[in-house]
Structure formats: C-alpha cells, structure tokens
Protein backbone atom coordinates (compact mmCIF):
# COMPACT_ATOMS: atom_id res chain seq x y z
CA GLN A 1 69.99 153.34 93.22
CA VAL A 2 71.06 156.65 91.73
CA GLN A 3 68.88 158.85 89.56
CA LEU A 4 70.51 161.53 87.44
CA VAL A 5 69.07 164.69 85.90
CA GLU A 6 71.13 166.94 83.63
CA SER A 7 70.58 170.62 82.96
CA GLY A 8 72.39 173.58 81.44
CA GLY A 9 72.50 172.70 77.77
CA GLY A 10 71.64 175.16 75.05
CA LEU A 11 72.78 177.05 71.97
CA VAL A 12 76.04 178.97 72.06
CA GLN A 13 78.37 180.51 69.51
CA ALA A 14 81.80 179.05 68.87
CA GLY A 15 84.24 180.28 71.48
CA GLY A 16 81.54 180.58 74.09
CA SER A 17 80.97 178.72 77.35
CA LEU A 18 78.33 176.57 78.97
CA ARG A 19 78.10 174.86 82.33
CA LEU A 20 76.27 171.55 82.56
CA SER A 21 74.93 170.30 85.86
CA CYS A 22 73.91 166.83 86.94
CA ALA A 23 71.75 166.42 90.03
CA ALA A 24 71.94 162.99 91.63
CA SER A 25 69.71 161.27 94.14
CA GLY A 26 70.70 158.35 96.30
CA ARG A 27 72.48 157.87 99.59
CA THR A 28 75.58 156.25 98.09
CA TYR A 29 76.27 159.03 95.60
CA THR A 30 79.65 159.84 97.12
CA MET A 31 80.88 156.33 96.34
CA TYR A 32 80.27 156.64 92.62
CA THR A 33 82.58 157.65 89.84
CA MET A 34 80.78 160.31 87.81
CA GLY A 35 81.24 160.77 84.12
CA TRP A 36 80.13 162.81 81.14
CA PHE A 37 79.62 161.30 77.72
CA ARG A 38 78.28 162.80 74.52
CA GLN A 39 76.66 161.57 71.35
CA ALA A 40 76.48 163.50 68.10
CA PRO A 41 74.00 162.55 65.35
CA GLY A 42 75.15 159.47 63.48
CA LYS A 43 78.05 158.85 65.85
CA ASP A 44 78.72 156.54 68.76
CA ARG A 45 78.54 157.76 72.32
CA GLU A 46 81.97 159.00 73.37
CA PHE A 47 83.70 159.65 76.66
CA VAL A 48 84.22 163.28 77.67
CA ALA A 49 85.40 163.34 81.29
CA ALA A 50 85.14 161.53 84.60
CA ILE A 51 85.76 162.26 88.26
CA SER A 52 86.26 159.70 91.01
CA TRP A 53 84.76 159.82 94.48
CA SER A 54 88.09 161.25 95.71
CA GLY A 55 88.22 163.96 93.05
CA SER A 56 90.65 162.46 90.56
CA THR A 57 89.81 163.56 87.03
CA ILE A 58 90.42 162.33 83.53
CA TYR A 59 89.55 163.89 80.17
CA ALA A 60 89.28 162.97 76.55
CA ASP A 61 92.07 164.54 74.51
CA SER A 62 89.51 166.47 72.44
CA VAL A 63 88.34 168.47 75.47
CA LYS A 64 91.47 168.61 77.61
CA GLY A 65 92.31 172.18 78.55
CA ARG A 66 88.84 173.44 77.59
CA PHE A 67 86.46 171.43 79.81
CA THR A 68 86.57 171.02 83.58
CA ILE A 69 84.67 168.38 85.51
CA SER A 70 83.87 168.83 89.18
CA ARG A 71 81.58 167.48 91.86
CA ASP A 72 80.01 168.69 95.06
CA ASN A 73 79.28 165.66 97.23
CA ALA A 74 77.40 167.76 99.77
CA LYS A 75 74.95 168.76 97.06
CA ASN A 76 74.96 165.41 95.23
CA ALA A 77 75.92 167.24 92.08
CA GLU A 78 78.37 167.04 89.24
CA TYR A 79 79.32 169.78 86.81
CA LEU A 80 80.99 170.17 83.43
CA GLN A 81 82.34 173.63 82.69
CA MET A 82 82.84 173.91 78.95
CA ASN A 83 84.93 176.78 77.59
CA THR A 84 86.13 177.69 74.11
CA LEU A 85 83.38 175.61 72.60
CA LYS A 86 83.70 174.40 69.03
CA PRO A 87 81.03 173.32 66.52
CA GLU A 88 82.35 169.76 66.85
CA ASP A 89 81.32 169.80 70.52
CA THR A 90 77.68 169.77 69.38
CA ALA A 91 76.02 166.68 70.84
CA VAL A 92 73.65 165.38 73.45
CA TYR A 93 75.58 165.27 76.72
CA TYR A 94 74.85 162.54 79.25
CA CYS A 95 75.70 162.33 82.92
CA ALA A 96 76.64 158.85 84.15
CA ALA A 97 77.43 157.17 87.46
CA GLY A 98 79.05 153.87 88.30
CA LEU A 99 80.96 151.98 90.97
CA LEU A 100 84.17 151.71 88.96
CA GLU A 101 87.02 149.87 90.65
CA ARG A 102 89.69 150.83 88.14
CA SER A 103 90.55 154.16 86.55
CA SER A 104 91.08 152.33 83.26
CA TRP A 105 87.33 151.70 83.22
CA TYR A 106 86.40 155.38 83.27
CA TRP A 107 86.45 155.58 79.48
CA SER A 108 83.94 152.75 78.99
CA ALA A 109 80.27 153.64 78.84
CA GLU A 110 79.27 150.04 79.61
CA LYS A 111 80.92 150.29 83.05
CA TYR A 112 78.46 152.97 84.19
CA ASP A 113 75.22 151.73 85.72
CA HIS A 114 73.14 154.89 85.82
CA TRP A 115 72.45 157.49 83.16
CA GLY A 116 70.62 160.77 82.87
CA GLN A 117 68.24 161.63 80.06
CA GLY A 118 70.72 163.88 78.28
CA THR A 119 70.90 167.59 77.50
CA GLN A 120 71.48 169.10 74.06
CA VAL A 121 74.49 171.31 73.45
CA THR A 122 74.63 173.10 70.11
CA VAL A 123 77.62 175.22 69.10
CA SER A 124 77.14 177.44 66.08
CA SER A 125 80.02 178.55 63.87
C-alpha cells in the first residue's frame, strides 16, 4: 500500500512559480510510476505529468516547458515545479501512484491505484 500527501499549493500571480510536493509511504514506493493530475471546477480530471521508477518523464502539451516533475526515491517524494503559471493552471492538483507496465498508460487516471487528497493551486491574472 502507498499513501500520498500533497503540499505546496497556494495563490500566486500569473507568471509566478510554485513547487508541489508529494510525500509517499510504503516500502515499494520506488517501483511505482508517479503522476500529477489536476481538476478545475466543472472540468474532468486531466493528466499533467508522470515519472517512471527509472526517471523517465512525460508531460501534457499544456505544461511542457513550464512544469518539471521529479522524484527522490530516498525520501519517498515526488515534486512538481511549476513556472510561468497561467490562470488556466488553476485547479486542484492530485498526486497519484501506480504500477504501470506501459508508458502509454501514464496518461490514464484509471491506471493509478493510489491518490492523494489534492492541493489547491490558484493563479490570479
């Protein structure tokens, strides 16, 4: 079992930066693919970024070049550095973990088995 707790959300002006953290518990953390998803009011949950156990990364086109996902297996932690934030980045951000066998699955929320409670990110214009 893996339990996930996000932190680092908040209110920031457009063009600013935030760093989200996700603390994970569980002995098999290093085996999991870790992902970030977000959900804005009235919209479906959408993929943001993912990182495999080996460090391979993938990003949604909307955040590519602005967001960076990373992980520290020694600390059982995952991070999302968000730069040049836009008002459309406003959402609740969720950390997720799953034993994903294929990189093509990284985009699919239903492939992740464990989720954090979410952290609010609000970007003002």
